[in-house]
Amino acid sequence: MLLSGIKVIELGQNLAGPYGTQILADLGAEVIKVERPTGDDARSWGAKVTDDSTTMYQTLNRNKKSVTLDLKLDADMGRMMAMLEDADIFLHNLRPGTPAKLGLGPEDLRAKFPRLIYCDVGAFGHIGPLKDQPGYEPLMQAYGGLISINGHPDGPPARIAVSLIDLGTGMWSAIGALAALHKRHETGEGCVINTSLYETALAWGNYHMAEFRATGKVPARQASGHPAVVPYQAFEAADGPFMILAGNDRLFAKLAPALGKPEWAEDERFKTNPGRVAHRDELIDTIQDIVGAAPRETWVEKLRAVGVPSAPIQTIPEVLDTPQTAGLDILQPVPGTPLTLVGLPMSVDGERPTMRNAPPPLGSANNELPDSDS
């Protein structure tokens, strides 16, 4: 395992922090999840799977151990400090200000444990006028501008259904921790890694901000399409929607004859992407008229055969049944549960890290806690 021998203490809850440490756990680190006596809030989010966990908790906490501590008690804080003595990484996503009140702020812990890599997963960020405000995924999608550019142009703005800001922020925390481990190998010193939900929202919106800066035009909602590439969106076949993604002029030159319009490849309106963007409505309407006459699988097979990226828009049950999903061997049974869930989307030397242990029952590793010095 790539991170064998690395010890991580997680004081995390909900999504962002636990996802970051799950990545480290999947890669072989020992992750000890410190929960309040009542448990992580995510234990009650979603459909119930075990007596003290739900689908949400199951997708964020595999390959970890769970201990329960009340950090307002001196004895439990003593146990926390004892665990940190030989820890490599400490990661939390507590409400701003809470770690400092508990004596677990970066200055406190880095002074006591100079080799410790301290990962602070915040809401709005560790600096700036909103640094002390809490936040959740939908709030950050709204405040970061993502909701304003998501949805159909003729409908209301919409939240992106996946918690991509929470999960993305967890990824940044894991990436930062891994980079810090490399630096510590050279210097012997740990450091503080700060990331936040709002910073992730800004990163995901970077292209749209660049377009606004360059053109002065407020980005419009595109439904399934793209503001700068055409055709690059969903179309309705005779039996359902599918995607056509002619992402460059070479692909469009292959698409045109496949649609029965070989002349488009030399048409001044369409042969270059800027021309296609300028004549978007005309081109999209004509393509829709053509593809609406046959089933989507007919078009997908035809376009894939000539090298044009295409795929049906699948429901979740269809995704689970598709041969490519099965072929990746990414769906893994969760030990001790009826679930089969998506494993780490990464392989090492051709092998995907396994789901070694199910997410832990609350406090199941309390017998491994060190004695308190308090």
Protein backbone atom coordinates (compact mmCIF):
# COMPACT_ATOMS: atom_id res chain seq x y z
CA MET A 1 0.00 0.00 0.00
CA LEU A 2 1.38 3.39 -1.00
CA LEU A 3 0.73 5.05 2.38
CA SER A 4 1.47 2.11 4.64
CA GLY A 5 2.89 3.40 7.91
CA ILE A 6 1.22 6.82 7.66
CA LYS A 7 -1.11 7.67 10.55
CA VAL A 8 -3.97 10.12 10.04
CA ILE A 9 -6.22 11.60 12.72
CA GLU A 10 -9.52 12.85 11.31
CA LEU A 11 -11.72 15.20 13.26
CA GLY A 12 -14.13 15.35 10.37
CA GLN A 13 -17.84 15.34 9.73
CA ASN A 14 -20.32 15.31 6.87
CA LEU A 15 -18.56 15.22 3.48
CA ALA A 16 -15.44 17.24 2.70
CA GLY A 17 -13.13 16.19 5.53
CA PRO A 18 -14.17 12.54 5.60
CA TYR A 19 -13.79 12.24 1.81
CA GLY A 20 -10.24 13.59 2.00
CA THR A 21 -9.23 11.07 4.64
CA GLN A 22 -11.03 8.23 2.85
CA ILE A 23 -8.72 8.83 -0.11
CA LEU A 24 -5.73 8.51 2.22
CA ALA A 25 -7.25 5.41 3.84
CA ASP A 26 -7.84 3.77 0.46
CA LEU A 27 -4.16 4.35 -0.34
CA GLY A 28 -3.14 2.50 2.80
CA ALA A 29 -2.91 5.07 5.59
CA GLU A 30 -4.20 4.24 9.05
CA VAL A 31 -7.07 6.68 9.53
CA ILE A 32 -8.55 7.13 12.99
CA LYS A 33 -11.85 8.96 12.79
CA VAL A 34 -12.58 10.89 15.98
CA GLU A 35 -16.33 11.35 16.42
CA ARG A 36 -18.41 13.06 19.06
CA PRO A 37 -20.25 10.53 21.26
CA THR A 38 -23.38 10.98 19.13
CA GLY A 39 -21.41 10.36 15.91
CA ASP A 40 -20.85 12.13 12.61
CA ASP A 41 -23.99 13.86 11.33
CA ALA A 42 -23.63 11.90 8.07
CA ARG A 43 -24.53 8.71 9.96
CA SER A 44 -28.16 9.87 9.66
CA TRP A 45 -28.09 11.19 6.06
CA GLY A 46 -29.68 8.92 3.46
CA ALA A 47 -31.12 5.42 3.59
CA LYS A 48 -30.26 3.33 6.63
CA VAL A 49 -27.69 0.56 6.03
CA THR A 50 -26.63 -0.54 9.52
CA ASP A 51 -27.84 0.34 13.00
CA ASP A 52 -25.67 3.46 13.09
CA SER A 53 -24.92 4.31 9.47
CA THR A 54 -26.58 5.32 6.21
CA THR A 55 -25.70 5.39 2.53
CA MET A 56 -24.01 8.80 2.91
CA TYR A 57 -21.77 7.61 5.72
CA GLN A 58 -20.95 4.41 3.85
CA THR A 59 -19.64 6.29 0.82
CA LEU A 60 -17.24 8.48 2.84
CA ASN A 61 -15.74 6.41 5.64
CA ARG A 62 -14.46 3.03 4.47
CA ASN A 63 -11.09 1.68 5.61
CA LYS A 64 -11.12 3.79 8.78
CA LYS A 65 -11.35 3.23 12.53
CA SER A 66 -13.85 5.09 14.72
CA VAL A 67 -13.25 6.36 18.23
CA THR A 68 -15.55 8.58 20.25
CA LEU A 69 -14.27 11.45 22.36
CA ASP A 70 -15.86 14.38 24.14
CA LEU A 71 -13.15 16.97 23.66
CA LYS A 72 -14.63 19.21 26.32
CA LEU A 73 -13.46 16.64 28.88
CA ASP A 74 -9.84 16.85 30.01
CA ALA A 75 -9.39 13.08 29.94
CA ASP A 76 -10.63 12.77 26.36
CA MET A 77 -8.54 15.73 25.23
CA GLY A 78 -5.57 13.97 26.80
CA ARG A 79 -6.31 10.90 24.69
CA MET A 80 -6.56 13.09 21.62
CA MET A 81 -3.14 14.61 22.29
CA ALA A 82 -1.67 11.18 22.91
CA MET A 83 -2.90 10.01 19.50
CA LEU A 84 -1.41 13.07 17.84
CA GLU A 85 2.06 12.40 19.26
CA ASP A 86 2.91 9.91 16.53
CA ALA A 87 0.43 11.10 13.88
CA ASP A 88 1.61 12.23 10.48
CA ILE A 89 -1.52 14.10 9.38
CA PHE A 90 -4.30 15.81 11.30
CA LEU A 91 -7.34 16.81 9.24
CA HIS A 92 -10.48 18.58 10.39
CA ASN A 93 -13.42 20.41 8.86
CA LEU A 94 -14.85 21.86 12.05
CA ARG A 95 -16.77 25.12 12.19
CA PRO A 96 -14.40 28.11 12.01
CA GLY A 97 -13.05 29.03 15.45
CA THR A 98 -13.84 25.69 17.06
CA PRO A 99 -10.32 24.16 16.84
CA ALA A 100 -8.73 27.19 18.50
CA LYS A 101 -11.27 27.07 21.35
CA LEU A 102 -10.40 23.41 21.91
CA GLY A 103 -6.66 24.03 21.81
CA LEU A 104 -6.43 22.23 18.46
CA GLY A 105 -5.62 25.21 16.28
CA PRO A 106 -2.67 25.06 13.88
CA GLU A 107 -0.39 27.17 16.07
CA ASP A 108 -1.06 24.98 19.13
CA LEU A 109 -0.51 21.63 17.41
CA ARG A 110 2.39 22.64 15.19
CA ALA A 111 4.22 23.99 18.24
CA LYS A 112 3.78 20.67 20.06
CA PHE A 113 4.24 18.41 17.05
CA PRO A 114 6.56 20.07 14.49
CA ARG A 115 6.43 17.06 12.12
CA LEU A 116 2.63 17.13 11.99
CA ILE A 117 0.90 18.04 8.74
CA TYR A 118 -2.15 20.07 9.73
CA CYS A 119 -5.02 20.14 7.20
CA ASP A 120 -7.74 22.71 7.79
CA VAL A 121 -10.76 22.19 5.53
CA GLY A 122 -12.79 25.36 5.89
CA ALA A 123 -15.94 26.98 4.56
CA PHE A 124 -15.06 30.40 3.11
CA GLY A 125 -11.32 30.14 3.72
CA HIS A 126 -8.86 30.90 6.52
CA ILE A 127 -8.53 34.59 5.58
CA GLY A 128 -10.88 37.28 4.28
CA PRO A 129 -13.97 38.97 5.77
CA LEU A 130 -16.10 35.78 5.79
CA LYS A 131 -13.43 33.49 7.28
CA ASP A 132 -15.46 32.89 10.45
CA GLN A 133 -18.71 32.01 8.68
CA PRO A 134 -19.88 28.39 8.34
CA GLY A 135 -21.02 26.94 5.04
CA TYR A 136 -22.49 23.94 3.23
CA GLU A 137 -22.39 22.72 -0.37
CA PRO A 138 -25.54 24.46 -1.73
CA LEU A 139 -24.53 27.76 -0.17
CA MET A 140 -21.12 27.59 -1.85
CA GLN A 141 -22.61 26.66 -5.22
CA ALA A 142 -24.80 29.75 -4.88
CA TYR A 143 -22.22 32.19 -3.54
CA GLY A 144 -19.50 30.90 -5.87
CA GLY A 145 -21.62 31.49 -8.98
CA LEU A 146 -22.06 27.86 -10.05
CA ILE A 147 -25.84 27.76 -9.60
CA SER A 148 -26.16 30.86 -11.80
CA ILE A 149 -24.61 29.03 -14.78
CA ASN A 150 -26.31 25.66 -14.28
CA GLY A 151 -29.68 24.69 -15.71
CA HIS A 152 -31.65 25.32 -18.90
CA PRO A 153 -31.47 28.84 -20.35
CA ASP A 154 -35.28 29.05 -20.39
CA GLY A 155 -35.65 27.77 -16.82
CA PRO A 156 -34.51 28.73 -13.34
CA PRO A 157 -30.91 28.26 -12.20
CA ALA A 158 -30.32 24.87 -10.62
CA ARG A 159 -28.06 23.34 -8.03
CA ILE A 160 -25.60 20.77 -9.38
CA ALA A 161 -26.92 17.52 -7.91
CA VAL A 162 -23.54 16.05 -7.02
CA SER A 163 -21.76 17.57 -4.01
CA LEU A 164 -18.77 18.35 -6.20
CA ILE A 165 -17.58 21.21 -4.00
CA ASP A 166 -17.48 19.08 -0.84
CA LEU A 167 -15.83 16.18 -2.64
CA GLY A 168 -13.46 18.43 -4.56
CA THR A 169 -12.37 20.16 -1.36
CA GLY A 170 -11.70 16.78 0.20
CA MET A 171 -9.52 15.96 -2.80
CA TRP A 172 -7.56 19.22 -2.43
CA SER A 173 -6.93 18.38 1.22
CA ALA A 174 -5.59 14.93 0.29
CA ILE A 175 -3.44 16.37 -2.51
CA GLY A 176 -2.06 19.00 -0.15
CA ALA A 177 -1.32 16.42 2.53
CA LEU A 178 0.53 14.20 0.06
CA ALA A 179 2.60 17.12 -1.20
CA ALA A 180 3.38 18.06 2.41
CA LEU A 181 4.52 14.50 3.14
CA HIS A 182 6.99 14.78 0.27
CA LYS A 183 8.29 18.11 1.58
CA ARG A 184 8.59 16.72 5.13
CA HIS A 185 10.70 13.87 3.78
CA GLU A 186 13.21 16.52 2.68
CA THR A 187 13.01 18.92 5.64
CA GLY A 188 11.67 16.92 8.59
CA GLU A 189 9.09 19.66 9.16
CA GLY A 190 5.34 19.54 8.81
CA CYS A 191 3.19 22.45 7.66
CA VAL A 192 -0.35 23.80 7.57
CA ILE A 193 -2.55 23.05 4.54
CA ASN A 194 -5.60 25.31 4.16
CA THR A 195 -8.37 24.73 1.68
CA SER A 196 -12.06 25.54 1.69
CA LEU A 197 -15.39 24.99 -0.01
CA TYR A 198 -15.48 28.52 -1.41
CA GLU A 199 -12.00 28.24 -2.88
CA THR A 200 -13.08 25.03 -4.62
CA ALA A 201 -16.18 26.76 -6.02
CA LEU A 202 -13.96 29.53 -7.37
CA ALA A 203 -11.61 26.98 -8.93
CA TRP A 204 -14.46 25.15 -10.68
CA GLY A 205 -15.79 28.43 -12.07
CA ASN A 206 -12.40 29.63 -13.29
CA TYR A 207 -13.08 29.32 -17.04
CA HIS A 208 -16.37 31.18 -16.81
CA MET A 209 -14.68 33.96 -14.85
CA ALA A 210 -11.98 34.19 -17.49
CA GLU A 211 -14.60 34.50 -20.23
CA PHE A 212 -16.36 37.28 -18.33
CA ARG A 213 -13.09 39.14 -17.78
CA ALA A 214 -12.22 38.83 -21.46
CA THR A 215 -15.62 39.66 -22.97
CA GLY A 216 -17.62 41.51 -20.33
CA LYS A 217 -20.52 39.13 -20.97
CA VAL A 218 -22.19 37.39 -18.04
CA PRO A 219 -22.03 33.60 -18.67
CA ALA A 220 -25.40 32.19 -19.69
CA ARG A 221 -26.86 28.84 -18.71
CA GLN A 222 -26.24 26.26 -21.43
CA ALA A 223 -28.33 23.25 -20.34
CA SER A 224 -26.15 20.33 -21.54
CA GLY A 225 -24.12 22.47 -23.93
CA HIS A 226 -20.91 24.47 -23.78
CA PRO A 227 -20.55 28.22 -24.35
CA ALA A 228 -17.39 27.92 -26.45
CA VAL A 229 -17.66 24.60 -28.32
CA VAL A 230 -20.36 23.55 -30.84
CA PRO A 231 -21.82 20.94 -31.24
CA TYR A 232 -21.05 19.80 -27.71
CA GLN A 233 -24.33 18.86 -26.04
CA ALA A 234 -27.31 16.54 -25.78
CA PHE A 235 -29.72 15.84 -28.61
CA GLU A 236 -33.04 13.99 -28.60
CA ALA A 237 -33.02 10.82 -30.66
CA ALA A 238 -36.26 9.03 -31.46
CA ASP A 239 -36.18 7.18 -28.13
CA GLY A 240 -34.21 9.41 -25.76
CA PRO A 241 -31.32 11.82 -25.27
CA PHE A 242 -27.69 11.27 -26.15
CA MET A 243 -24.52 13.35 -26.36
CA ILE A 244 -22.60 14.50 -29.44
CA LEU A 245 -19.22 16.01 -28.58
CA ALA A 246 -17.40 17.31 -31.63
CA GLY A 247 -14.78 19.08 -29.56
CA ASN A 248 -12.60 20.29 -32.46
CA ASP A 249 -12.66 20.86 -36.21
CA ARG A 250 -11.21 17.43 -36.97
CA LEU A 251 -14.04 15.73 -35.11
CA PHE A 252 -16.63 17.92 -36.80
CA ALA A 253 -15.22 16.87 -40.18
CA LYS A 254 -15.95 13.26 -39.15
CA LEU A 255 -19.36 14.12 -37.74
CA ALA A 256 -20.64 15.89 -40.84
CA PRO A 257 -20.67 12.87 -43.22
CA ALA A 258 -21.94 10.61 -40.43
CA LEU A 259 -24.98 12.87 -40.24
CA GLY A 260 -25.38 12.80 -44.00
CA LYS A 261 -24.02 16.33 -44.40
CA PRO A 262 -20.47 15.95 -45.80
CA GLU A 263 -20.66 19.46 -47.27
CA TRP A 264 -20.62 20.95 -43.76
CA ALA A 265 -16.92 20.14 -43.45
CA GLU A 266 -16.17 22.89 -46.02
CA ASP A 267 -19.07 25.21 -45.27
CA GLU A 268 -17.68 28.59 -44.16
CA ARG A 269 -20.36 28.79 -41.49
CA PHE A 270 -19.46 25.48 -39.88
CA LYS A 271 -15.97 24.27 -40.75
CA THR A 272 -14.30 26.07 -37.82
CA ASN A 273 -15.44 26.18 -34.22
CA PRO A 274 -15.74 30.00 -34.09
CA GLY A 275 -18.07 29.78 -37.09
CA ARG A 276 -20.12 27.05 -35.46
CA VAL A 277 -20.42 29.10 -32.27
CA ALA A 278 -21.58 32.11 -34.32
CA HIS A 279 -24.17 29.95 -36.13
CA ARG A 280 -25.02 27.81 -33.07
CA ASP A 281 -28.82 27.89 -33.34
CA GLU A 282 -28.92 27.09 -37.03
CA LEU A 283 -26.52 24.17 -36.70
CA ILE A 284 -28.05 22.72 -33.53
CA ASP A 285 -31.57 22.88 -34.92
CA THR A 286 -30.52 21.07 -38.10
CA ILE A 287 -28.65 18.36 -36.22
CA GLN A 288 -31.68 17.86 -34.01
CA ASP A 289 -33.94 17.41 -37.04
CA ILE A 290 -31.56 14.76 -38.38
CA VAL A 291 -30.99 12.70 -35.24
CA GLY A 292 -34.60 12.78 -34.13
CA ALA A 293 -35.47 10.30 -36.87
CA ALA A 294 -33.57 7.29 -35.44
CA PRO A 295 -32.97 5.63 -32.05
CA ARG A 296 -30.10 6.96 -29.97
CA GLU A 297 -28.17 3.67 -30.01
CA THR A 298 -28.08 3.86 -33.80
CA TRP A 299 -26.43 7.27 -33.61
CA VAL A 300 -24.08 6.39 -30.77
CA GLU A 301 -22.78 3.33 -32.64
CA LYS A 302 -22.45 5.27 -35.89
CA LEU A 303 -20.57 8.17 -34.32
CA ARG A 304 -18.29 5.98 -32.21
CA ALA A 305 -17.42 4.01 -35.34
CA VAL A 306 -15.96 7.14 -36.95
CA GLY A 307 -14.29 8.35 -33.75
CA VAL A 308 -16.74 11.06 -32.66
CA PRO A 309 -17.31 10.93 -28.86
CA SER A 310 -20.92 10.00 -28.20
CA ALA A 311 -22.90 8.30 -25.46
CA PRO A 312 -26.47 7.97 -24.25
CA ILE A 313 -27.56 9.97 -21.23
CA GLN A 314 -27.94 7.14 -18.74
CA THR A 315 -29.94 6.84 -15.57
CA ILE A 316 -28.22 5.59 -12.43
CA PRO A 317 -29.58 2.03 -12.91
CA GLU A 318 -28.27 2.08 -16.49
CA VAL A 319 -24.85 3.25 -15.31
CA LEU A 320 -24.68 0.36 -12.85
CA ASP A 321 -25.60 -2.14 -15.60
CA THR A 322 -23.38 -0.88 -18.39
CA PRO A 323 -20.51 -3.20 -19.44
CA GLN A 324 -17.90 -0.44 -19.11
CA THR A 325 -18.74 0.04 -15.43
CA ALA A 326 -18.42 -3.70 -14.86
CA GLY A 327 -15.24 -3.83 -16.92
CA LEU A 328 -13.49 -1.31 -14.69
CA ASP A 329 -13.95 -3.56 -11.64
CA ILE A 330 -14.59 -0.37 -9.68
CA LEU A 331 -17.78 -1.59 -7.96
CA GLN A 332 -16.74 -3.40 -4.80
CA PRO A 333 -18.82 -5.20 -2.17
CA VAL A 334 -18.76 -3.49 1.22
CA PRO A 335 -17.90 -6.10 3.87
CA GLY A 336 -20.73 -6.79 6.27
CA THR A 337 -23.35 -4.86 4.30
CA PRO A 338 -25.60 -5.53 1.30
CA LEU A 339 -24.00 -2.64 -0.58
CA THR A 340 -21.73 -2.63 -3.61
CA LEU A 341 -20.13 0.80 -3.93
CA VAL A 342 -17.67 2.66 -6.12
CA GLY A 343 -14.08 2.19 -5.00
CA LEU A 344 -11.15 4.56 -5.41
CA PRO A 345 -11.11 5.94 -8.99
CA MET A 346 -7.40 5.21 -9.30
CA SER A 347 -5.25 2.14 -9.91
CA VAL A 348 -1.63 1.54 -8.91
CA ASP A 349 0.39 -0.66 -11.27
CA GLY A 350 -2.92 -1.85 -12.70
CA GLU A 351 -4.43 -2.76 -9.33
CA ARG A 352 -7.27 -0.82 -7.73
CA PRO A 353 -7.00 -0.42 -3.94
CA THR A 354 -9.55 -2.67 -2.30
CA MET A 355 -12.35 -1.88 0.09
CA ARG A 356 -10.56 -3.59 2.97
CA ASN A 357 -12.97 -2.62 5.73
CA ALA A 358 -16.51 -1.31 5.85
CA PRO A 359 -17.07 2.10 7.42
CA PRO A 360 -16.67 1.54 11.16
CA PRO A 361 -19.45 1.31 13.71
CA LEU A 362 -19.45 4.30 16.05
CA GLY A 363 -16.68 3.98 18.65
CA SER A 364 -15.67 0.49 17.52
CA ALA A 365 -11.97 1.25 18.07
CA ASN A 366 -12.37 2.85 21.50
CA ASN A 367 -10.49 -0.07 23.04
CA GLU A 368 -7.42 1.07 21.07
CA LEU A 369 -7.41 4.57 22.57
CA PRO A 370 -4.24 5.49 24.50
CA ASP A 371 -4.48 6.34 28.17
CA SER A 372 -4.95 10.02 28.95
CA ASP A 373 -2.13 12.01 30.50
CA SER A 374 -4.69 14.31 32.12
